[in-house]
Amino acid sequence: MSLSVIDKYVVKKEKDLLEYAKILESIISIDDNKMWQNKKEFALYAKEIIEIYADAYYFQNNKHKDNPIEYSNDNINFVLKSIIEYCRVHDKMGLIRTWKNETFLLSVIICTACYVDFASNVVDGDYQDTKNKFKYLLSYLRKTKLLNVKDNKYFINDLFEAVKKNASEDKKILVGLESDNYRNEYKMISNNPTYYEVKFSYEIPGLEEFDESLVSGVLKDYETKIKEISYDLLASRVLTELISNKDMDKYVIRIDKGLKKAGLIRLFDNKYLKEFVKILIPYEEEVKYQSIISAYKEIGMSFIYDYDDIENVNPTIFVDDMDLLVDKEFINNNLDNKLSFDKMNIKFVVKIKEEEKWVCMVNFLQNLWNHYLKVS
């Protein structure tokens, strides 16, 4: 199985940022640059630094997209960390001290490339607003006596034509998996903290006309492919949330024997999926799925155990560092075990009841309406 959609997107962003940086190198410069003499030499430095940045920090700064100066002030530290890491890897730490002005210029160019990219993103960015405010950013940079900033409309036009082209390609990545015939459904299982269980549903026109046993056999043959589609859709949803300036949701996928396929394991070997997606395991069936659990542990996936009993328990029935999905009654019946659970680093996710889901939905809609009234 290929890389997840998140990995593909980050790889694409590396190319996009380098493309923008090359154009910006013609707009922003310094006198007597000793670090590079032409665009080819510049790209030798910028390419690897941008790769480090994209891999480690690309989604770290998605605030202040509407303010290029605040965005740049927030993001410059991530860019500088990437430059330092590049120098460390190549044993060139002296470069920062010897070529201070050049290093500053390099950081400004890359940081500006990051701004035009993120502020124009297809989830919650604004291409035209970014283009308008870019001149404001150049005016701000021009106040720095060290930098020479050109107001060259041809270079600026080249830059934003590239941004428009790449944004169009980004949109294809984000919506490319959408279909009227299949979708993921996200069922809230807890609001303390918020978790959604991922369930895949699909409709195949005319399927009901075929023999049920034949259909069942065919669907079983395509079980892994169906899961791949579902988890790609989930990765796309996580990617959309990473790009946007909003709180990240968390998700669970219920364990079954189909998860043992190597292609599915490779799909989840992504740091963002491992941060926001966990595998849900019925507590009583842990032994049954031990080999699958071990395989996902090797890539660093996390787990939540679905525990159905509500009675008071001896804490030692659990092991340290567990996440448990439990009913609220279980929490109330085990208040005397709180200290033991804390010592064992056992974290509880409280199941949400159907009536509570309606309350959550009403609160969400009320907050949405209040926000609308503020901005209208």
Protein backbone atom coordinates (compact mmCIF):
# COMPACT_ATOMS: atom_id res chain seq x y z
CA MET A 1 0.00 0.00 0.00
CA SER A 2 1.21 3.50 -0.77
CA LEU A 3 1.88 6.34 1.64
CA SER A 4 -1.04 7.84 3.53
CA VAL A 5 -2.65 10.95 2.10
CA ILE A 6 -0.96 12.96 4.89
CA ASP A 7 2.50 11.74 3.84
CA LYS A 8 1.72 12.50 0.20
CA TYR A 9 0.57 15.99 1.11
CA VAL A 10 3.71 16.76 3.12
CA VAL A 11 5.95 15.51 0.29
CA LYS A 12 4.05 17.76 -2.11
CA LYS A 13 4.42 20.71 0.26
CA GLU A 14 8.19 20.23 0.25
CA LYS A 15 8.18 20.75 -3.53
CA ASP A 16 5.74 23.67 -3.32
CA LEU A 17 7.72 25.51 -0.65
CA LEU A 18 10.94 25.10 -2.60
CA GLU A 19 9.22 26.45 -5.72
CA TYR A 20 8.05 29.53 -3.81
CA ALA A 21 11.44 29.99 -2.14
CA LYS A 22 13.23 30.04 -5.49
CA ILE A 23 10.96 32.84 -6.69
CA LEU A 24 11.27 34.74 -3.41
CA GLU A 25 15.07 34.52 -3.66
CA SER A 26 14.73 36.91 -6.61
CA ILE A 27 12.61 39.31 -4.55
CA ILE A 28 14.43 39.33 -1.18
CA SER A 29 18.23 39.55 -1.03
CA ILE A 30 21.21 41.11 0.75
CA ASP A 31 24.36 42.83 -0.45
CA ASP A 32 27.52 40.75 -0.81
CA ASN A 33 25.90 37.34 -0.29
CA LYS A 34 28.74 34.89 0.42
CA MET A 35 26.56 31.83 1.02
CA TRP A 36 25.18 31.38 -2.50
CA GLN A 37 25.73 33.08 -5.82
CA ASN A 38 22.88 31.74 -7.92
CA LYS A 39 19.54 29.96 -7.66
CA LYS A 40 21.09 26.52 -8.04
CA GLU A 41 23.40 27.07 -5.06
CA PHE A 42 20.48 28.53 -3.07
CA ALA A 43 18.36 25.43 -3.80
CA LEU A 44 21.09 23.15 -2.44
CA TYR A 45 20.57 24.70 1.00
CA ALA A 46 16.84 25.44 0.80
CA LYS A 47 15.72 22.02 -0.43
CA GLU A 48 16.97 20.02 2.53
CA ILE A 49 16.07 22.68 5.11
CA ILE A 50 12.52 22.78 3.75
CA GLU A 51 12.33 18.98 3.88
CA ILE A 52 13.33 19.09 7.56
CA TYR A 53 10.79 21.85 8.21
CA ALA A 54 7.94 20.10 6.38
CA ASP A 55 8.52 16.80 8.14
CA ALA A 56 8.80 18.25 11.65
CA TYR A 57 6.93 21.55 11.73
CA TYR A 58 4.64 22.04 8.73
CA PHE A 59 1.38 21.72 10.71
CA GLN A 60 2.72 23.38 13.86
CA ASN A 61 1.74 26.93 12.92
CA ASN A 62 -1.73 27.34 11.44
CA LYS A 63 -2.69 30.50 13.31
CA HIS A 64 -2.61 34.13 12.18
CA LYS A 65 -3.01 33.24 8.52
CA ASP A 66 -4.76 36.57 8.13
CA ASN A 67 -1.75 38.48 9.51
CA PRO A 68 1.54 37.82 7.69
CA ILE A 69 3.68 39.55 10.32
CA GLU A 70 2.21 37.64 13.26
CA TYR A 71 2.39 34.40 11.27
CA SER A 72 6.05 35.02 10.41
CA ASN A 73 6.94 35.93 13.99
CA ASP A 74 5.34 32.69 15.18
CA ASN A 75 6.87 30.55 12.46
CA ILE A 76 10.42 31.88 12.32
CA ASN A 77 11.55 29.73 15.26
CA PHE A 78 10.47 26.56 13.46
CA VAL A 79 12.39 27.64 10.36
CA LEU A 80 15.48 28.47 12.42
CA LYS A 81 15.27 25.08 14.14
CA SER A 82 15.23 23.47 10.70
CA ILE A 83 18.32 25.43 9.65
CA ILE A 84 20.10 24.44 12.86
CA GLU A 85 19.18 20.78 12.29
CA TYR A 86 20.52 20.99 8.72
CA CYS A 87 23.80 22.42 10.02
CA ARG A 88 24.01 19.77 12.74
CA VAL A 89 23.46 16.90 10.29
CA HIS A 90 26.10 18.27 7.90
CA ASP A 91 28.52 19.37 10.63
CA LYS A 92 28.20 22.99 9.52
CA MET A 93 27.33 24.75 12.77
CA GLY A 94 30.05 27.29 12.02
CA LEU A 95 28.01 28.40 9.02
CA ILE A 96 25.48 30.12 11.29
CA ARG A 97 28.18 32.15 13.01
CA THR A 98 30.21 32.92 9.88
CA TRP A 99 27.29 33.84 7.64
CA LYS A 100 24.82 35.45 10.06
CA ASN A 101 23.29 37.78 7.48
CA GLU A 102 22.97 35.03 4.91
CA THR A 103 21.39 32.70 7.45
CA PHE A 104 18.89 35.41 8.38
CA LEU A 105 18.06 35.93 4.71
CA LEU A 106 17.58 32.20 4.20
CA SER A 107 15.20 32.03 7.17
CA VAL A 108 13.19 35.01 5.91
CA ILE A 109 12.82 33.53 2.42
CA ILE A 110 11.66 30.13 3.70
CA CYS A 111 9.36 31.67 6.32
CA THR A 112 7.76 33.88 3.66
CA ALA A 113 7.28 30.84 1.41
CA CYS A 114 5.52 29.12 4.32
CA TYR A 115 3.23 32.10 4.79
CA VAL A 116 1.99 32.34 1.19
CA ASP A 117 1.50 28.57 1.16
CA PHE A 118 -0.41 28.17 4.41
CA ALA A 119 -2.41 31.39 4.16
CA SER A 120 -3.67 30.27 0.73
CA ASN A 121 -4.54 26.69 1.77
CA VAL A 122 -7.72 25.22 0.32
CA VAL A 123 -9.31 24.35 3.69
CA ASP A 124 -9.61 27.73 5.41
CA GLY A 125 -7.10 29.94 3.62
CA ASP A 126 -7.80 32.86 1.30
CA TYR A 127 -5.76 33.21 -1.89
CA GLN A 128 -6.84 36.75 -2.77
CA ASP A 129 -6.45 38.05 0.77
CA THR A 130 -2.96 36.54 0.94
CA LYS A 131 -2.00 38.15 -2.35
CA ASN A 132 -3.21 41.53 -1.13
CA LYS A 133 -1.39 41.28 2.19
CA PHE A 134 1.84 40.01 0.64
CA LYS A 135 2.75 43.56 -0.37
CA TYR A 136 2.20 44.58 3.23
CA LEU A 137 4.65 41.87 4.31
CA LEU A 138 7.23 43.08 1.79
CA SER A 139 6.87 46.63 3.13
CA TYR A 140 7.48 45.30 6.64
CA LEU A 141 10.59 43.38 5.52
CA ARG A 142 11.83 46.46 3.70
CA LYS A 143 12.13 48.24 7.06
CA THR A 144 14.92 45.81 7.92
CA LYS A 145 18.02 47.69 6.77
CA LEU A 146 19.84 44.45 5.99
CA LEU A 147 17.34 43.21 3.38
CA ASN A 148 16.92 44.38 -0.18
CA VAL A 149 13.26 43.87 -1.09
CA LYS A 150 12.16 44.34 -4.69
CA ASP A 151 8.62 45.33 -5.60
CA ASN A 152 8.78 43.43 -8.87
CA LYS A 153 5.26 42.73 -10.14
CA TYR A 154 6.49 40.03 -12.54
CA PHE A 155 8.13 37.96 -9.78
CA ILE A 156 5.13 38.50 -7.50
CA ASN A 157 2.79 37.40 -10.28
CA ASP A 158 4.94 34.29 -10.88
CA LEU A 159 4.77 33.51 -7.17
CA PHE A 160 0.99 33.67 -6.92
CA GLU A 161 0.43 31.86 -10.18
CA ALA A 162 2.44 29.02 -8.65
CA VAL A 163 0.39 29.27 -5.46
CA LYS A 164 -2.87 29.08 -7.44
CA LYS A 165 -1.64 26.08 -9.44
CA ASN A 166 -0.51 24.21 -6.34
CA ALA A 167 -3.69 25.01 -4.40
CA SER A 168 -5.71 23.46 -7.22
CA GLU A 169 -3.59 20.31 -6.96
CA ASP A 170 -3.96 20.31 -3.16
CA LYS A 171 -7.74 20.33 -3.50
CA LYS A 172 -7.60 17.23 -5.68
CA ILE A 173 -5.65 15.46 -2.94
CA LEU A 174 -8.18 16.39 -0.27
CA VAL A 175 -11.37 15.61 -2.21
CA GLY A 176 -10.02 12.95 -4.54
CA LEU A 177 -11.40 10.10 -2.44
CA GLU A 178 -14.92 11.50 -2.08
CA SER A 179 -17.74 9.52 -3.64
CA ASP A 180 -21.52 9.30 -3.49
CA ASN A 181 -21.21 5.51 -3.21
CA TYR A 182 -19.14 5.28 -0.04
CA ARG A 183 -18.26 7.31 3.03
CA ASN A 184 -17.06 7.11 6.58
CA GLU A 185 -19.51 7.66 9.39
CA TYR A 186 -18.15 9.13 12.60
CA LYS A 187 -20.08 8.11 15.71
CA MET A 188 -19.31 10.05 18.88
CA ILE A 189 -18.52 7.57 21.64
CA SER A 190 -17.26 10.04 24.24
CA ASN A 191 -17.24 13.76 24.90
CA ASN A 192 -14.95 13.50 27.89
CA PRO A 193 -12.60 13.66 26.03
CA THR A 194 -14.16 13.69 22.55
CA TYR A 195 -13.67 10.52 20.51
CA TYR A 196 -15.36 9.31 17.34
CA GLU A 197 -15.60 5.71 16.22
CA VAL A 198 -15.00 5.32 12.48
CA LYS A 199 -17.42 3.17 10.51
CA PHE A 200 -17.36 2.68 6.75
CA SER A 201 -20.55 2.46 4.72
CA TYR A 202 -21.04 2.00 0.99
CA GLU A 203 -23.78 1.53 -1.56
CA ILE A 204 -23.33 -0.59 -4.68
CA PRO A 205 -26.17 0.01 -7.18
CA GLY A 206 -28.01 -3.22 -7.99
CA LEU A 207 -26.23 -5.24 -5.30
CA GLU A 208 -29.53 -6.51 -3.89
CA GLU A 209 -30.24 -8.28 -7.20
CA PHE A 210 -27.41 -10.80 -6.67
CA ASP A 211 -27.36 -13.95 -4.57
CA GLU A 212 -26.58 -13.04 -0.93
CA SER A 213 -24.02 -15.80 -0.44
CA LEU A 214 -22.21 -14.81 -3.64
CA VAL A 215 -22.13 -11.16 -2.59
CA SER A 216 -20.83 -12.11 0.85
CA GLY A 217 -17.95 -14.06 -0.70
CA VAL A 218 -16.97 -11.26 -3.04
CA LEU A 219 -17.07 -8.65 -0.26
CA LYS A 220 -14.88 -10.86 1.92
CA ASP A 221 -12.30 -11.01 -0.89
CA TYR A 222 -12.27 -7.19 -0.99
CA GLU A 223 -12.28 -6.70 2.79
CA THR A 224 -8.76 -5.25 2.90
CA LYS A 225 -9.41 -2.93 -0.05
CA ILE A 226 -12.57 -1.66 1.66
CA LYS A 227 -10.60 -0.96 4.84
CA GLU A 228 -7.93 0.85 2.83
CA ILE A 229 -10.57 3.17 1.38
CA SER A 230 -12.05 3.83 4.83
CA TYR A 231 -8.71 4.58 6.45
CA ASP A 232 -7.64 6.78 3.54
CA LEU A 233 -10.84 8.76 4.07
CA LEU A 234 -9.99 9.00 7.77
CA ALA A 235 -6.46 10.18 6.97
CA SER A 236 -7.92 12.81 4.64
CA ARG A 237 -10.20 14.03 7.43
CA VAL A 238 -7.27 14.25 9.86
CA LEU A 239 -5.25 16.11 7.22
CA THR A 240 -8.06 18.64 6.74
CA GLU A 241 -8.13 19.25 10.48
CA LEU A 242 -4.34 19.59 10.63
CA ILE A 243 -4.43 22.27 7.94
CA SER A 244 -7.30 24.20 9.51
CA ASN A 245 -7.07 26.35 12.60
CA LYS A 246 -9.35 24.26 14.81
CA ASP A 247 -9.17 21.81 17.67
CA MET A 248 -8.23 18.32 16.54
CA ASP A 249 -10.74 15.51 17.01
CA LYS A 250 -9.66 12.03 18.03
CA TYR A 251 -10.81 8.78 16.46
CA VAL A 252 -10.93 5.06 17.17
CA ILE A 253 -11.15 2.12 14.82
CA ARG A 254 -12.52 -1.13 16.22
CA ILE A 255 -10.10 -4.03 16.03
CA ASP A 256 -10.82 -7.08 13.88
CA LYS A 257 -8.78 -9.79 12.21
CA GLY A 258 -8.60 -7.82 8.97
CA LEU A 259 -6.26 -5.28 10.58
CA LYS A 260 -3.39 -7.77 10.48
CA LYS A 261 -2.73 -7.04 6.78
CA ALA A 262 0.71 -5.49 6.33
CA GLY A 263 -0.61 -2.79 3.99
CA LEU A 264 -2.96 -1.50 6.67
CA ILE A 265 -0.21 -1.48 9.28
CA ARG A 266 2.01 0.58 6.94
CA LEU A 267 -0.82 3.05 6.38
CA PHE A 268 -0.97 3.89 10.08
CA ASP A 269 2.80 4.29 10.38
CA ASN A 270 2.35 8.06 10.28
CA LYS A 271 3.02 10.29 13.29
CA TYR A 272 -0.19 12.28 12.89
CA LEU A 273 -2.43 9.23 12.55
CA LYS A 274 -0.70 7.70 15.57
CA GLU A 275 -1.42 10.88 17.52
CA PHE A 276 -5.10 11.23 16.66
CA VAL A 277 -6.26 7.65 15.95
CA LYS A 278 -6.37 4.74 18.39
CA ILE A 279 -7.43 1.12 18.06
CA LEU A 280 -10.47 0.13 20.13
CA ILE A 281 -10.23 -3.34 21.68
CA PRO A 282 -12.92 -5.16 23.69
CA TYR A 283 -11.22 -5.68 27.05
CA GLU A 284 -12.27 -9.33 27.28
CA GLU A 285 -10.85 -10.10 23.82
CA GLU A 286 -7.30 -8.77 24.25
CA VAL A 287 -5.78 -12.27 24.11
CA LYS A 288 -7.69 -13.08 20.93
CA TYR A 289 -6.07 -10.15 19.11
CA GLN A 290 -2.64 -10.28 20.75
CA SER A 291 -0.66 -10.76 17.52
CA ILE A 292 -2.40 -7.80 15.86
CA ILE A 293 -1.90 -5.65 18.96
CA SER A 294 1.81 -6.52 18.96
CA ALA A 295 2.15 -5.57 15.28
CA TYR A 296 0.61 -2.15 15.85
CA LYS A 297 2.59 -1.61 19.03
CA GLU A 298 5.75 -1.97 16.96
CA ILE A 299 4.83 1.08 14.89
CA GLY A 300 3.78 3.07 17.96
CA MET A 301 -0.03 2.92 17.71
CA SER A 302 -2.07 3.49 20.86
CA PHE A 303 -5.05 1.53 22.13
CA ILE A 304 -8.27 2.03 24.07
CA TYR A 305 -9.87 -0.94 25.81
CA ASP A 306 -13.67 -1.09 25.86
CA TYR A 307 -14.63 -2.20 29.39
CA ASP A 308 -18.33 -2.97 29.89
CA ASP A 309 -18.61 -3.77 33.61
CA ILE A 310 -19.65 -1.02 35.99
CA GLU A 311 -18.96 -2.67 39.35
CA ASN A 312 -16.22 -1.77 41.81
CA VAL A 313 -13.01 -3.59 40.87
CA ASN A 314 -9.59 -4.42 42.22
CA PRO A 315 -7.30 -2.05 40.25
CA THR A 316 -4.74 -4.81 39.79
CA ILE A 317 -6.95 -6.47 37.16
CA PHE A 318 -5.64 -3.76 34.84
CA VAL A 319 -2.06 -3.13 33.77
CA ASP A 320 -0.21 0.18 33.91
CA ASP A 321 -0.59 2.84 31.21
CA MET A 322 -3.98 1.73 29.90
CA ASP A 323 -6.72 3.82 28.31
CA LEU A 324 -10.15 2.44 29.20
CA LEU A 325 -13.51 3.27 27.63
CA VAL A 326 -16.02 2.93 30.48
CA ASP A 327 -19.51 3.90 31.54
CA LYS A 328 -19.94 6.84 33.88
CA GLU A 329 -21.35 4.42 36.47
CA PHE A 330 -17.98 2.66 36.56
CA ILE A 331 -16.29 5.93 37.49
CA ASN A 332 -18.83 6.60 40.24
CA ASN A 333 -18.51 3.07 41.62
CA ASN A 334 -14.70 3.23 41.73
CA LEU A 335 -14.04 6.61 43.35
CA ASP A 336 -12.16 4.82 46.11
CA ASN A 337 -9.72 3.48 43.48
CA LYS A 338 -8.83 6.87 42.00
CA LEU A 339 -5.43 7.08 43.72
CA SER A 340 -4.49 3.58 42.55
CA PHE A 341 -5.60 4.32 38.99
CA ASP A 342 -3.54 7.52 38.99
CA LYS A 343 -0.45 5.68 40.20
CA MET A 344 -0.93 3.10 37.46
CA ASN A 345 -1.38 5.90 34.89
CA ILE A 346 -4.75 4.51 33.83
CA LYS A 347 -6.80 7.04 31.86
CA PHE A 348 -10.55 6.79 31.47
CA VAL A 349 -12.63 7.79 28.47
CA VAL A 350 -16.27 8.04 29.51
CA LYS A 351 -18.90 6.62 27.17
CA ILE A 352 -21.51 9.07 26.00
CA LYS A 353 -25.17 8.11 26.19
CA GLU A 354 -27.60 8.78 23.35
CA GLU A 355 -29.42 11.56 25.19
CA GLU A 356 -26.09 13.29 25.87
CA LYS A 357 -25.32 13.33 22.14
CA TRP A 358 -28.37 15.52 21.55
CA VAL A 359 -27.18 17.94 24.22
CA CYS A 360 -23.75 18.10 22.54
CA MET A 361 -25.37 18.74 19.16
CA VAL A 362 -27.57 21.53 20.54
CA ASN A 363 -24.57 23.16 22.25
CA PHE A 364 -22.56 22.96 19.04
CA LEU A 365 -25.33 24.56 16.99
CA GLN A 366 -25.83 27.26 19.62
CA ASN A 367 -22.11 28.10 19.58
CA LEU A 368 -22.16 28.13 15.79
CA TRP A 369 -25.11 30.55 15.82
CA ASN A 370 -23.42 32.80 18.39
CA HIS A 371 -20.28 32.89 16.23
CA TYR A 372 -22.39 33.79 13.19
CA LEU A 373 -24.02 36.67 15.05
CA LYS A 374 -20.61 38.04 16.03
CA VAL A 375 -19.20 38.07 12.50
CA SER A 376 -22.36 39.12 10.67
